[in-house]
Amino acid sequence: MKTFETEIEIAAPIDRVWHVLTKEMPLNPTPFGILRFDGTINQSAKIKLWSEVSPKRAFALSVDIFDAPKKMLWRGGMPFGLFTGKRTFTLSHETGGCRFHMKEVFTGPMSGMLCKSMPDLTPSFAKFAQALKTQAETQ
């Protein structure tokens, strides 16, 4: 099992941050480290994205949890659970705004082998969180 995560305080209301995350980011994904985004984020949606980390690869994902404005989970991977990535986005109320937490966990029988060739996603996660903060705080 391999895990990446980031957390940041955002001086904006939780509803505003959720809106940026689920409505604005798909329309302008570049500041978030996403080259292209296809789909609409909502419960049980199928989405696809291309990231700066792996620009030639499309990541097909499903939105398994969509609990506005608190939690969302995207899941993707290989058939039969051989390799699964679960990215959880969590927002919680804080004085003066909210806290954003993003975590991705990779599991499955092939995760050990595949994670060895995976780059460090920490800088990508930090970029995503900072873009969310900037977008939410500037409007």
C-alpha atoms as a PDB file:
ATOM      1  CA  MET A   1       0.000   0.000   0.000  1.00  0.00           C
ATOM      2  CA  LYS A   2       1.268   3.446  -0.934  1.00  0.00           C
ATOM      3  CA  THR A   3      -0.222   6.748   0.252  1.00  0.00           C
ATOM      4  CA  PHE A   4       0.133  10.393  -0.725  1.00  0.00           C
ATOM      5  CA  GLU A   5      -1.603  13.293   0.991  1.00  0.00           C
ATOM      6  CA  THR A   6      -1.726  17.034   1.496  1.00  0.00           C
ATOM      7  CA  GLU A   7      -3.600  19.435   3.731  1.00  0.00           C
ATOM      8  CA  ILE A   8      -4.088  23.198   3.647  1.00  0.00           C
ATOM      9  CA  GLU A   9      -6.120  25.873   5.420  1.00  0.00           C
ATOM     10  CA  ILE A  10      -8.232  27.994   3.098  1.00  0.00           C
ATOM     11  CA  ALA A  11      -9.618  31.396   4.110  1.00  0.00           C
ATOM     12  CA  ALA A  12     -12.904  30.922   2.290  1.00  0.00           C
ATOM     13  CA  PRO A  13     -16.276  29.412   3.213  1.00  0.00           C
ATOM     14  CA  ILE A  14     -16.534  25.662   2.797  1.00  0.00           C
ATOM     15  CA  ASP A  15     -19.299  26.025   0.186  1.00  0.00           C
ATOM     16  CA  ARG A  16     -17.065  28.260  -1.929  1.00  0.00           C
ATOM     17  CA  VAL A  17     -14.167  25.782  -1.756  1.00  0.00           C
ATOM     18  CA  TRP A  18     -16.491  22.899  -2.676  1.00  0.00           C
ATOM     19  CA  HIS A  19     -17.769  24.888  -5.662  1.00  0.00           C
ATOM     20  CA  VAL A  20     -14.225  25.533  -6.908  1.00  0.00           C
ATOM     21  CA  LEU A  21     -13.324  21.858  -6.424  1.00  0.00           C
ATOM     22  CA  THR A  22     -16.363  20.388  -8.159  1.00  0.00           C
ATOM     23  CA  LYS A  23     -17.486  23.040 -10.670  1.00  0.00           C
ATOM     24  CA  GLU A  24     -14.630  25.421 -11.502  1.00  0.00           C
ATOM     25  CA  MET A  25     -11.650  23.052 -11.451  1.00  0.00           C
ATOM     26  CA  PRO A  26     -13.062  20.813 -14.233  1.00  0.00           C
ATOM     27  CA  LEU A  27     -13.533  23.903 -16.443  1.00  0.00           C
ATOM     28  CA  ASN A  28     -10.032  25.292 -15.789  1.00  0.00           C
ATOM     29  CA  PRO A  29      -7.919  22.336 -14.612  1.00  0.00           C
ATOM     30  CA  THR A  30      -4.455  23.591 -15.629  1.00  0.00           C
ATOM     31  CA  PRO A  31      -3.583  25.486 -12.403  1.00  0.00           C
ATOM     32  CA  PHE A  32      -4.369  22.253 -10.525  1.00  0.00           C
ATOM     33  CA  GLY A  33      -1.780  20.234 -12.458  1.00  0.00           C
ATOM     34  CA  ILE A  34      -4.424  18.654 -14.677  1.00  0.00           C
ATOM     35  CA  LEU A  35      -3.926  19.036 -18.418  1.00  0.00           C
ATOM     36  CA  ARG A  36      -7.423  17.975 -19.423  1.00  0.00           C
ATOM     37  CA  PHE A  37     -10.609  17.006 -17.612  1.00  0.00           C
ATOM     38  CA  ASP A  38     -13.641  15.256 -19.142  1.00  0.00           C
ATOM     39  CA  GLY A  39     -16.931  14.817 -17.340  1.00  0.00           C
ATOM     40  CA  THR A  40     -19.057  16.399 -14.672  1.00  0.00           C
ATOM     41  CA  ILE A  41     -18.359  15.752 -11.008  1.00  0.00           C
ATOM     42  CA  ASN A  42     -21.376  14.348  -9.188  1.00  0.00           C
ATOM     43  CA  GLN A  43     -22.431  11.117  -7.453  1.00  0.00           C
ATOM     44  CA  SER A  44     -21.656   7.979  -9.502  1.00  0.00           C
ATOM     45  CA  ALA A  45     -20.169  10.039 -12.352  1.00  0.00           C
ATOM     46  CA  LYS A  46     -17.502   8.676 -14.664  1.00  0.00           C
ATOM     47  CA  ILE A  47     -14.738  11.207 -15.213  1.00  0.00           C
ATOM     48  CA  LYS A  48     -11.437  11.177 -17.037  1.00  0.00           C
ATOM     49  CA  LEU A  49      -8.349  13.297 -16.526  1.00  0.00           C
ATOM     50  CA  TRP A  50      -4.829  13.718 -17.848  1.00  0.00           C
ATOM     51  CA  SER A  51      -2.283  14.980 -15.310  1.00  0.00           C
ATOM     52  CA  GLU A  52       1.053  16.757 -15.599  1.00  0.00           C
ATOM     53  CA  VAL A  53       2.605  13.808 -13.783  1.00  0.00           C
ATOM     54  CA  SER A  54       1.649  11.423 -16.617  1.00  0.00           C
ATOM     55  CA  PRO A  55       0.527  13.575 -19.582  1.00  0.00           C
ATOM     56  CA  LYS A  56       0.046  10.763 -22.107  1.00  0.00           C
ATOM     57  CA  ARG A  57      -2.132   8.631 -19.847  1.00  0.00           C
ATOM     58  CA  ALA A  58      -5.845   9.131 -19.288  1.00  0.00           C
ATOM     59  CA  PHE A  59      -7.085   8.221 -15.820  1.00  0.00           C
ATOM     60  CA  ALA A  60     -10.649   6.860 -15.925  1.00  0.00           C
ATOM     61  CA  LEU A  61     -12.263   7.396 -12.537  1.00  0.00           C
ATOM     62  CA  SER A  62     -15.616   6.988 -10.844  1.00  0.00           C
ATOM     63  CA  VAL A  63     -17.019   9.342  -8.225  1.00  0.00           C
ATOM     64  CA  ASP A  64     -17.972   6.869  -5.497  1.00  0.00           C
ATOM     65  CA  ILE A  65     -18.737   9.375  -2.722  1.00  0.00           C
ATOM     66  CA  PHE A  66     -20.173  12.841  -3.272  1.00  0.00           C
ATOM     67  CA  ASP A  67     -21.235  14.247   0.098  1.00  0.00           C
ATOM     68  CA  ALA A  68     -21.395  18.002  -0.548  1.00  0.00           C
ATOM     69  CA  PRO A  69     -19.694  20.032   0.830  1.00  0.00           C
ATOM     70  CA  LYS A  70     -17.727  17.653   3.035  1.00  0.00           C
ATOM     71  CA  LYS A  71     -16.318  14.640   1.223  1.00  0.00           C
ATOM     72  CA  MET A  72     -15.725  13.177  -2.199  1.00  0.00           C
ATOM     73  CA  LEU A  73     -13.971   9.998  -3.310  1.00  0.00           C
ATOM     74  CA  TRP A  74     -12.631   9.195  -6.758  1.00  0.00           C
ATOM     75  CA  ARG A  75     -11.707   5.576  -7.548  1.00  0.00           C
ATOM     76  CA  GLY A  76      -9.761   4.139 -10.453  1.00  0.00           C
ATOM     77  CA  GLY A  77      -7.497   1.259 -11.281  1.00  0.00           C
ATOM     78  CA  MET A  78      -7.355  -2.164 -12.832  1.00  0.00           C
ATOM     79  CA  PRO A  79     -10.122  -4.768 -13.102  1.00  0.00           C
ATOM     80  CA  PHE A  80     -10.740  -7.239 -10.276  1.00  0.00           C
ATOM     81  CA  GLY A  81      -9.055  -4.924  -7.747  1.00  0.00           C
ATOM     82  CA  LEU A  82      -5.580  -5.870  -8.958  1.00  0.00           C
ATOM     83  CA  PHE A  83      -4.540  -2.232  -8.509  1.00  0.00           C
ATOM     84  CA  THR A  84      -6.814   0.447  -7.089  1.00  0.00           C
ATOM     85  CA  GLY A  85      -6.309   4.102  -6.326  1.00  0.00           C
ATOM     86  CA  LYS A  86      -8.776   5.889  -4.062  1.00  0.00           C
ATOM     87  CA  ARG A  87      -8.453   9.668  -3.794  1.00  0.00           C
ATOM     88  CA  THR A  88     -10.430  11.233  -0.965  1.00  0.00           C
ATOM     89  CA  PHE A  89     -11.129  14.958  -0.736  1.00  0.00           C
ATOM     90  CA  THR A  90     -12.285  16.164   2.680  1.00  0.00           C
ATOM     91  CA  LEU A  91     -13.379  19.658   3.696  1.00  0.00           C
ATOM     92  CA  SER A  92     -13.986  20.667   7.296  1.00  0.00           C
ATOM     93  CA  HIS A  93     -15.087  23.950   8.853  1.00  0.00           C
ATOM     94  CA  GLU A  94     -12.341  26.009  10.486  1.00  0.00           C
ATOM     95  CA  THR A  95     -12.452  29.437  12.073  1.00  0.00           C
ATOM     96  CA  GLY A  96     -12.136  31.889   9.201  1.00  0.00           C
ATOM     97  CA  GLY A  97     -12.644  29.284   6.483  1.00  0.00           C
ATOM     98  CA  CYS A  98     -12.034  25.592   6.048  1.00  0.00           C
ATOM     99  CA  ARG A  99      -9.386  22.888   5.963  1.00  0.00           C
ATOM    100  CA  PHE A 100      -8.835  20.894   2.785  1.00  0.00           C
ATOM    101  CA  HIS A 101      -7.339  17.414   2.975  1.00  0.00           C
ATOM    102  CA  MET A 102      -6.589  15.204  -0.024  1.00  0.00           C
ATOM    103  CA  LYS A 103      -5.315  11.651   0.286  1.00  0.00           C
ATOM    104  CA  GLU A 104      -4.757   8.894  -2.245  1.00  0.00           C
ATOM    105  CA  VAL A 105      -4.200   5.277  -1.274  1.00  0.00           C
ATOM    106  CA  PHE A 106      -3.046   2.620  -3.745  1.00  0.00           C
ATOM    107  CA  THR A 107      -3.861  -0.999  -2.940  1.00  0.00           C
ATOM    108  CA  GLY A 108      -4.260  -4.405  -4.582  1.00  0.00           C
ATOM    109  CA  PRO A 109      -2.125  -7.442  -5.388  1.00  0.00           C
ATOM    110  CA  MET A 110      -0.186  -5.552  -8.084  1.00  0.00           C
ATOM    111  CA  SER A 111       0.265  -2.350  -6.063  1.00  0.00           C
ATOM    112  CA  GLY A 112       3.740  -3.252  -4.799  1.00  0.00           C
ATOM    113  CA  MET A 113       5.111  -3.715  -8.291  1.00  0.00           C
ATOM    114  CA  LEU A 114       3.275  -0.762  -9.871  1.00  0.00           C
ATOM    115  CA  CYS A 115       3.997   1.662  -7.039  1.00  0.00           C
ATOM    116  CA  LYS A 116       7.738   1.103  -7.492  1.00  0.00           C
ATOM    117  CA  SER A 117       7.552   2.810 -10.891  1.00  0.00           C
ATOM    118  CA  MET A 118       5.218   5.576  -9.680  1.00  0.00           C
ATOM    119  CA  PRO A 119       6.687   9.054  -9.254  1.00  0.00           C
ATOM    120  CA  ASP A 120       6.389  10.954  -5.988  1.00  0.00           C
ATOM    121  CA  LEU A 121       2.971  12.616  -6.150  1.00  0.00           C
ATOM    122  CA  THR A 122       3.641  14.918  -3.185  1.00  0.00           C
ATOM    123  CA  PRO A 123       4.564  17.976  -5.324  1.00  0.00           C
ATOM    124  CA  SER A 124       1.513  17.409  -7.521  1.00  0.00           C
ATOM    125  CA  PHE A 125      -0.744  17.183  -4.459  1.00  0.00           C
ATOM    126  CA  ALA A 126       0.737  20.396  -3.023  1.00  0.00           C
ATOM    127  CA  LYS A 127       0.179  22.181  -6.346  1.00  0.00           C
ATOM    128  CA  PHE A 128      -3.459  21.025  -6.421  1.00  0.00           C
ATOM    129  CA  ALA A 129      -4.096  22.218  -2.852  1.00  0.00           C
ATOM    130  CA  GLN A 130      -2.431  25.586  -3.468  1.00  0.00           C
ATOM    131  CA  ALA A 131      -4.451  26.137  -6.661  1.00  0.00           C
ATOM    132  CA  LEU A 132      -7.660  25.340  -4.785  1.00  0.00           C
ATOM    133  CA  LYS A 133      -6.686  27.802  -2.033  1.00  0.00           C
ATOM    134  CA  THR A 134      -5.792  30.541  -4.528  1.00  0.00           C
ATOM    135  CA  GLN A 135      -8.991  30.111  -6.562  1.00  0.00           C
ATOM    136  CA  ALA A 136     -11.264  29.987  -3.506  1.00  0.00           C
ATOM    137  CA  GLU A 137      -9.672  32.937  -1.733  1.00  0.00           C
ATOM    138  CA  THR A 138      -9.591  35.289  -4.729  1.00  0.00           C
ATOM    139  CA  GLN A 139     -13.313  35.401  -5.440  1.00  0.00           C
END
